[in-house]
Amino acid sequence: MRFLTWLIAIPVALIIIVFAISNRTPAIIDLSPLPFIINVPIWAIAVGAVLFGIIVGSSIKWMLDHRRRVVSISRARKLQSAQKQINLLQKKIEILEKSKSGTGKLFTKDTSSNISQ
């Protein structure tokens, strides 16, 4: 998997480097209502736009996945609660089996007291 990552990342990085070198000329960005004029290389504008798109898209995806995360957390809590209950019941079964094997009369009624009356 790492090999595949490097196989994709290296050519993309080379393309970005070549693009940055070939587009070094400055572009003027005029922030119209404000009295600011910025000289920025064209490659910085392009890379900035791509990064802005990645950040905005990731943020929207994260917000839309909120419901799934809530459901997942709820199910994990229910699973953990059920697992605790299973462990408690298994301990109770072990205790009952030990006491049954020790006395042999755990689940039988004592009818001798009823006969003498």
N, C-alpha and C. Protein backbone atom coordinates (compact mmCIF):
# COMPACT_ATOMS: atom_id res chain seq x y z
N MET A 1 0.82 -1.19 0.00
CA MET A 1 0.00 0.00 0.00
C MET A 1 0.87 1.26 0.00
N ARG A 2 1.97 1.22 0.77
CA ARG A 2 2.87 2.37 0.78
C ARG A 2 3.50 2.59 -0.59
N PHE A 3 3.80 1.49 -1.27
CA PHE A 3 4.38 1.60 -2.60
C PHE A 3 3.42 2.31 -3.54
N LEU A 4 2.15 1.97 -3.46
CA LEU A 4 1.14 2.61 -4.30
C LEU A 4 1.02 4.10 -3.97
N THR A 5 1.11 4.44 -2.69
CA THR A 5 1.05 5.84 -2.28
C THR A 5 2.21 6.62 -2.88
N TRP A 6 3.41 6.05 -2.77
CA TRP A 6 4.58 6.72 -3.35
C TRP A 6 4.50 6.76 -4.87
N LEU A 7 3.95 5.73 -5.46
CA LEU A 7 3.82 5.67 -6.91
C LEU A 7 2.91 6.79 -7.43
N ILE A 8 1.95 7.20 -6.64
CA ILE A 8 1.05 8.28 -7.03
C ILE A 8 1.60 9.64 -6.57
N ALA A 9 2.15 9.72 -5.37
CA ALA A 9 2.58 10.99 -4.79
C ALA A 9 3.77 11.61 -5.52
N ILE A 10 4.72 10.80 -5.93
CA ILE A 10 5.92 11.35 -6.59
C ILE A 10 5.58 12.02 -7.92
N PRO A 11 4.82 11.39 -8.82
CA PRO A 11 4.48 12.11 -10.06
C PRO A 11 3.63 13.36 -9.82
N VAL A 12 2.72 13.32 -8.87
CA VAL A 12 1.91 14.50 -8.57
C VAL A 12 2.81 15.63 -8.06
N ALA A 13 3.74 15.31 -7.17
CA ALA A 13 4.67 16.33 -6.67
C ALA A 13 5.52 16.90 -7.80
N LEU A 14 5.98 16.06 -8.70
CA LEU A 14 6.77 16.54 -9.84
C LEU A 14 5.94 17.47 -10.74
N ILE A 15 4.70 17.12 -10.97
CA ILE A 15 3.82 17.97 -11.79
C ILE A 15 3.62 19.33 -11.12
N ILE A 16 3.42 19.34 -9.81
CA ILE A 16 3.25 20.60 -9.09
C ILE A 16 4.51 21.44 -9.16
N ILE A 17 5.67 20.81 -9.02
CA ILE A 17 6.95 21.53 -9.09
C ILE A 17 7.15 22.13 -10.48
N VAL A 18 6.91 21.35 -11.52
CA VAL A 18 7.06 21.85 -12.89
C VAL A 18 6.08 23.00 -13.14
N PHE A 19 4.86 22.88 -12.68
CA PHE A 19 3.86 23.93 -12.83
C PHE A 19 4.31 25.21 -12.11
N ALA A 20 4.86 25.05 -10.90
CA ALA A 20 5.30 26.22 -10.14
C ALA A 20 6.48 26.91 -10.82
N ILE A 21 7.41 26.13 -11.37
CA ILE A 21 8.57 26.72 -12.03
C ILE A 21 8.16 27.44 -13.32
N SER A 22 7.24 26.87 -14.07
CA SER A 22 6.85 27.48 -15.35
C SER A 22 5.89 28.66 -15.19
N ASN A 23 5.30 28.83 -14.02
CA ASN A 23 4.34 29.92 -13.80
C ASN A 23 4.80 30.82 -12.65
N ARG A 24 6.02 31.33 -12.77
CA ARG A 24 6.57 32.18 -11.71
C ARG A 24 6.20 33.65 -11.87
N THR A 25 5.63 34.02 -12.97
CA THR A 25 5.31 35.43 -13.18
C THR A 25 4.22 35.88 -12.22
N PRO A 26 4.35 37.10 -11.72
CA PRO A 26 3.36 37.56 -10.74
C PRO A 26 2.04 37.95 -11.39
N ALA A 27 0.99 37.75 -10.64
CA ALA A 27 -0.34 38.19 -11.05
C ALA A 27 -0.81 39.19 -10.01
N ILE A 28 -1.55 40.15 -10.44
CA ILE A 28 -2.03 41.20 -9.54
C ILE A 28 -3.44 40.84 -9.07
N ILE A 29 -3.59 40.79 -7.77
CA ILE A 29 -4.90 40.55 -7.18
C ILE A 29 -5.34 41.85 -6.54
N ASP A 30 -6.44 42.40 -7.06
CA ASP A 30 -6.98 43.67 -6.56
C ASP A 30 -8.22 43.37 -5.74
N LEU A 31 -8.15 43.65 -4.46
CA LEU A 31 -9.29 43.46 -3.57
C LEU A 31 -10.12 44.74 -3.64
N SER A 32 -11.04 44.78 -4.56
CA SER A 32 -11.71 45.98 -5.04
C SER A 32 -12.23 46.94 -3.98
N PRO A 33 -13.08 46.54 -3.06
CA PRO A 33 -13.56 47.57 -2.13
C PRO A 33 -12.47 47.99 -1.14
N LEU A 34 -11.51 47.13 -0.93
CA LEU A 34 -10.43 47.45 0.00
C LEU A 34 -9.26 48.05 -0.77
N PRO A 35 -8.45 48.84 -0.12
CA PRO A 35 -7.33 49.47 -0.83
C PRO A 35 -6.08 48.58 -0.88
N PHE A 36 -6.26 47.30 -1.14
CA PHE A 36 -5.12 46.38 -1.17
C PHE A 36 -4.93 45.83 -2.57
N ILE A 37 -3.67 45.80 -2.98
CA ILE A 37 -3.28 45.17 -4.24
C ILE A 37 -2.14 44.22 -3.89
N ILE A 38 -2.29 42.95 -4.28
CA ILE A 38 -1.32 41.92 -3.93
C ILE A 38 -0.71 41.36 -5.21
N ASN A 39 0.61 41.28 -5.23
CA ASN A 39 1.32 40.61 -6.33
C ASN A 39 1.67 39.20 -5.88
N VAL A 40 1.10 38.22 -6.52
CA VAL A 40 1.28 36.82 -6.15
C VAL A 40 1.62 36.02 -7.41
N PRO A 41 2.55 35.06 -7.31
CA PRO A 41 2.82 34.22 -8.47
C PRO A 41 1.58 33.42 -8.87
N ILE A 42 1.45 33.13 -10.14
CA ILE A 42 0.28 32.40 -10.65
C ILE A 42 0.17 31.01 -10.01
N TRP A 43 1.31 30.35 -9.80
CA TRP A 43 1.26 29.01 -9.22
C TRP A 43 0.69 29.04 -7.81
N ALA A 44 0.97 30.11 -7.06
CA ALA A 44 0.45 30.21 -5.69
C ALA A 44 -1.07 30.36 -5.71
N ILE A 45 -1.57 31.10 -6.70
CA ILE A 45 -3.02 31.25 -6.81
C ILE A 45 -3.67 29.90 -7.13
N ALA A 46 -3.08 29.16 -8.07
CA ALA A 46 -3.65 27.86 -8.45
C ALA A 46 -3.58 26.86 -7.31
N VAL A 47 -2.42 26.77 -6.65
CA VAL A 47 -2.27 25.82 -5.54
C VAL A 47 -3.17 26.25 -4.37
N GLY A 48 -3.27 27.54 -4.13
CA GLY A 48 -4.16 28.03 -3.07
C GLY A 48 -5.61 27.70 -3.34
N ALA A 49 -6.03 27.81 -4.61
CA ALA A 49 -7.41 27.47 -4.95
C ALA A 49 -7.68 25.98 -4.75
N VAL A 50 -6.72 25.15 -5.12
CA VAL A 50 -6.88 23.70 -4.92
C VAL A 50 -6.95 23.37 -3.43
N LEU A 51 -6.05 23.95 -2.65
CA LEU A 51 -6.07 23.70 -1.20
C LEU A 51 -7.36 24.21 -0.56
N PHE A 52 -7.83 25.36 -1.00
CA PHE A 52 -9.10 25.89 -0.50
C PHE A 52 -10.24 24.93 -0.81
N GLY A 53 -10.26 24.39 -2.02
CA GLY A 53 -11.29 23.43 -2.41
C GLY A 53 -11.22 22.15 -1.59
N ILE A 54 -10.02 21.69 -1.31
CA ILE A 54 -9.85 20.48 -0.49
C ILE A 54 -10.37 20.73 0.92
N ILE A 55 -10.02 21.89 1.48
CA ILE A 55 -10.45 22.20 2.85
C ILE A 55 -11.97 22.35 2.94
N VAL A 56 -12.56 23.07 1.99
CA VAL A 56 -14.02 23.26 2.01
C VAL A 56 -14.74 21.93 1.78
N GLY A 57 -14.27 21.14 0.83
CA GLY A 57 -14.90 19.84 0.55
C GLY A 57 -14.80 18.89 1.73
N SER A 58 -13.63 18.86 2.37
CA SER A 58 -13.45 18.00 3.54
C SER A 58 -14.34 18.44 4.69
N SER A 59 -14.47 19.74 4.87
CA SER A 59 -15.33 20.26 5.95
C SER A 59 -16.79 19.89 5.72
N ILE A 60 -17.24 20.04 4.49
CA ILE A 60 -18.63 19.68 4.18
C ILE A 60 -18.85 18.18 4.39
N LYS A 61 -17.93 17.37 3.93
CA LYS A 61 -18.03 15.91 4.11
C LYS A 61 -18.06 15.55 5.60
N TRP A 62 -17.21 16.21 6.39
CA TRP A 62 -17.17 15.94 7.82
C TRP A 62 -18.50 16.30 8.48
N MET A 63 -19.08 17.44 8.08
CA MET A 63 -20.37 17.84 8.66
C MET A 63 -21.49 16.90 8.24
N LEU A 64 -21.47 16.42 7.00
CA LEU A 64 -22.52 15.52 6.54
C LEU A 64 -22.40 14.13 7.18
N ASP A 65 -21.21 13.74 7.60
CA ASP A 65 -21.01 12.44 8.23
C ASP A 65 -21.30 12.46 9.73
N HIS A 66 -21.74 13.58 10.25
CA HIS A 66 -22.00 13.70 11.69
C HIS A 66 -23.05 12.68 12.15
N ARG A 67 -24.10 12.52 11.38
CA ARG A 67 -25.17 11.57 11.76
C ARG A 67 -24.63 10.15 11.86
N ARG A 68 -23.80 9.76 10.89
CA ARG A 68 -23.22 8.41 10.93
C ARG A 68 -22.32 8.23 12.14
N ARG A 69 -21.55 9.26 12.48
CA ARG A 69 -20.69 9.15 13.65
C ARG A 69 -21.50 9.00 14.93
N VAL A 70 -22.61 9.74 15.04
CA VAL A 70 -23.46 9.65 16.22
C VAL A 70 -24.07 8.25 16.33
N VAL A 71 -24.56 7.72 15.22
CA VAL A 71 -25.14 6.37 15.22
C VAL A 71 -24.07 5.34 15.58
N SER A 72 -22.89 5.50 15.04
CA SER A 72 -21.80 4.57 15.32
C SER A 72 -21.42 4.59 16.80
N ILE A 73 -21.32 5.77 17.38
CA ILE A 73 -20.99 5.88 18.80
C ILE A 73 -22.08 5.26 19.65
N SER A 74 -23.35 5.49 19.29
CA SER A 74 -24.46 4.92 20.03
C SER A 74 -24.43 3.39 19.98
N ARG A 75 -24.18 2.86 18.80
CA ARG A 75 -24.11 1.40 18.67
C ARG A 75 -22.92 0.82 19.44
N ALA A 76 -21.82 1.53 19.45
CA ALA A 76 -20.65 1.06 20.21
C ALA A 76 -20.95 1.02 21.70
N ARG A 77 -21.67 2.02 22.18
CA ARG A 77 -22.04 2.05 23.61
C ARG A 77 -22.99 0.90 23.94
N LYS A 78 -23.96 0.66 23.07
CA LYS A 78 -24.90 -0.45 23.30
C LYS A 78 -24.16 -1.79 23.29
N LEU A 79 -23.22 -1.92 22.37
CA LEU A 79 -22.43 -3.15 22.29
C LEU A 79 -21.61 -3.35 23.55
N GLN A 80 -21.01 -2.28 24.04
CA GLN A 80 -20.21 -2.36 25.25
C GLN A 80 -21.09 -2.73 26.45
N SER A 81 -22.28 -2.15 26.52
CA SER A 81 -23.21 -2.47 27.60
C SER A 81 -23.64 -3.94 27.53
N ALA A 82 -23.94 -4.41 26.33
CA ALA A 82 -24.33 -5.81 26.15
C ALA A 82 -23.19 -6.74 26.53
N GLN A 83 -21.97 -6.36 26.18
CA GLN A 83 -20.81 -7.20 26.52
C GLN A 83 -20.63 -7.27 28.03
N LYS A 84 -20.83 -6.17 28.73
CA LYS A 84 -20.74 -6.18 30.20
C LYS A 84 -21.81 -7.09 30.79
N GLN A 85 -23.02 -7.01 30.23
CA GLN A 85 -24.11 -7.85 30.72
C GLN A 85 -23.82 -9.32 30.47
N ILE A 86 -23.26 -9.65 29.32
CA ILE A 86 -22.89 -11.04 29.02
C ILE A 86 -21.85 -11.53 30.01
N ASN A 87 -20.84 -10.72 30.28
CA ASN A 87 -19.80 -11.11 31.24
C ASN A 87 -20.39 -11.33 32.63
N LEU A 88 -21.30 -10.46 33.05
CA LEU A 88 -21.94 -10.61 34.35
C LEU A 88 -22.75 -11.90 34.43
N LEU A 89 -23.52 -12.19 33.37
CA LEU A 89 -24.31 -13.42 33.35
C LEU A 89 -23.43 -14.66 33.32
N GLN A 90 -22.31 -14.61 32.61
CA GLN A 90 -21.40 -15.75 32.59
C GLN A 90 -20.82 -16.00 33.98
N LYS A 91 -20.50 -14.94 34.72
CA LYS A 91 -19.99 -15.10 36.08
C LYS A 91 -21.06 -15.72 36.98
N LYS A 92 -22.31 -15.26 36.81
CA LYS A 92 -23.40 -15.83 37.60
C LYS A 92 -23.58 -17.31 37.30
N ILE A 93 -23.49 -17.68 36.02
CA ILE A 93 -23.61 -19.09 35.64
C ILE A 93 -22.50 -19.91 36.27
N GLU A 94 -21.29 -19.40 36.25
CA GLU A 94 -20.16 -20.12 36.86
C GLU A 94 -20.38 -20.31 38.35
N ILE A 95 -20.86 -19.27 39.03
CA ILE A 95 -21.11 -19.37 40.47
C ILE A 95 -22.20 -20.41 40.74
N LEU A 96 -23.27 -20.39 39.95
CA LEU A 96 -24.35 -21.36 40.14
C LEU A 96 -23.88 -22.78 39.86
N GLU A 97 -23.06 -22.95 38.83
CA GLU A 97 -22.57 -24.30 38.52
C GLU A 97 -21.65 -24.82 39.62
N LYS A 98 -20.83 -23.94 40.18
CA LYS A 98 -19.95 -24.35 41.27
C LYS A 98 -20.75 -24.73 42.51
N SER A 99 -21.76 -23.92 42.83
CA SER A 99 -22.55 -24.22 44.03
C SER A 99 -23.42 -25.46 43.81
N LYS A 100 -23.88 -25.70 42.59
CA LYS A 100 -24.69 -26.88 42.30
C LYS A 100 -23.84 -28.15 42.40
N SER A 101 -22.64 -28.08 41.90
CA SER A 101 -21.78 -29.27 41.95
C SER A 101 -21.29 -29.53 43.37
N GLY A 102 -21.23 -28.51 44.21
CA GLY A 102 -20.76 -28.68 45.59
C GLY A 102 -21.82 -29.28 46.49
N THR A 103 -23.08 -28.85 46.42
CA THR A 103 -24.12 -29.34 47.32
C THR A 103 -25.01 -30.38 46.66
N GLY A 104 -25.31 -30.20 45.44
CA GLY A 104 -26.18 -31.15 44.75
C GLY A 104 -27.64 -30.90 45.00
N LYS A 105 -28.02 -29.99 45.90
CA LYS A 105 -29.42 -29.74 46.24
C LYS A 105 -29.79 -28.27 46.05
N LEU A 106 -29.21 -27.62 45.10
CA LEU A 106 -29.45 -26.20 44.94
C LEU A 106 -30.85 -25.93 44.44
N PHE A 107 -31.37 -26.75 43.51
CA PHE A 107 -32.66 -26.47 42.89
C PHE A 107 -33.76 -27.42 43.36
N THR A 108 -33.56 -28.20 44.40
CA THR A 108 -34.60 -29.11 44.88
C THR A 108 -35.31 -28.50 46.08
N LYS A 109 -36.60 -28.82 46.24
CA LYS A 109 -37.38 -28.32 47.38
C LYS A 109 -37.18 -29.25 48.57
N ASP A 110 -37.21 -28.67 49.72
CA ASP A 110 -37.13 -29.45 50.95
C ASP A 110 -38.56 -29.79 51.37
N THR A 111 -38.98 -31.03 51.12
CA THR A 111 -40.36 -31.44 51.43
C THR A 111 -40.46 -32.15 52.77
N SER A 112 -39.35 -32.36 53.46
CA SER A 112 -39.39 -33.07 54.74
C SER A 112 -40.13 -32.26 55.82
N SER A 113 -40.09 -30.97 55.77
CA SER A 113 -40.79 -30.16 56.78
C SER A 113 -42.29 -30.21 56.60
N ASN A 114 -42.78 -30.42 55.38
CA ASN A 114 -44.21 -30.51 55.11
C ASN A 114 -44.78 -31.85 55.55
N ILE A 115 -44.00 -32.92 55.56
CA ILE A 115 -44.49 -34.23 55.89
C ILE A 115 -44.75 -34.36 57.39
N SER A 116 -43.93 -33.77 58.21
CA SER A 116 -44.08 -33.92 59.65
C SER A 116 -45.26 -33.16 60.22
N GLN A 117 -45.86 -32.28 59.54
CA GLN A 117 -46.98 -31.51 60.07
C GLN A 117 -48.21 -32.25 59.99
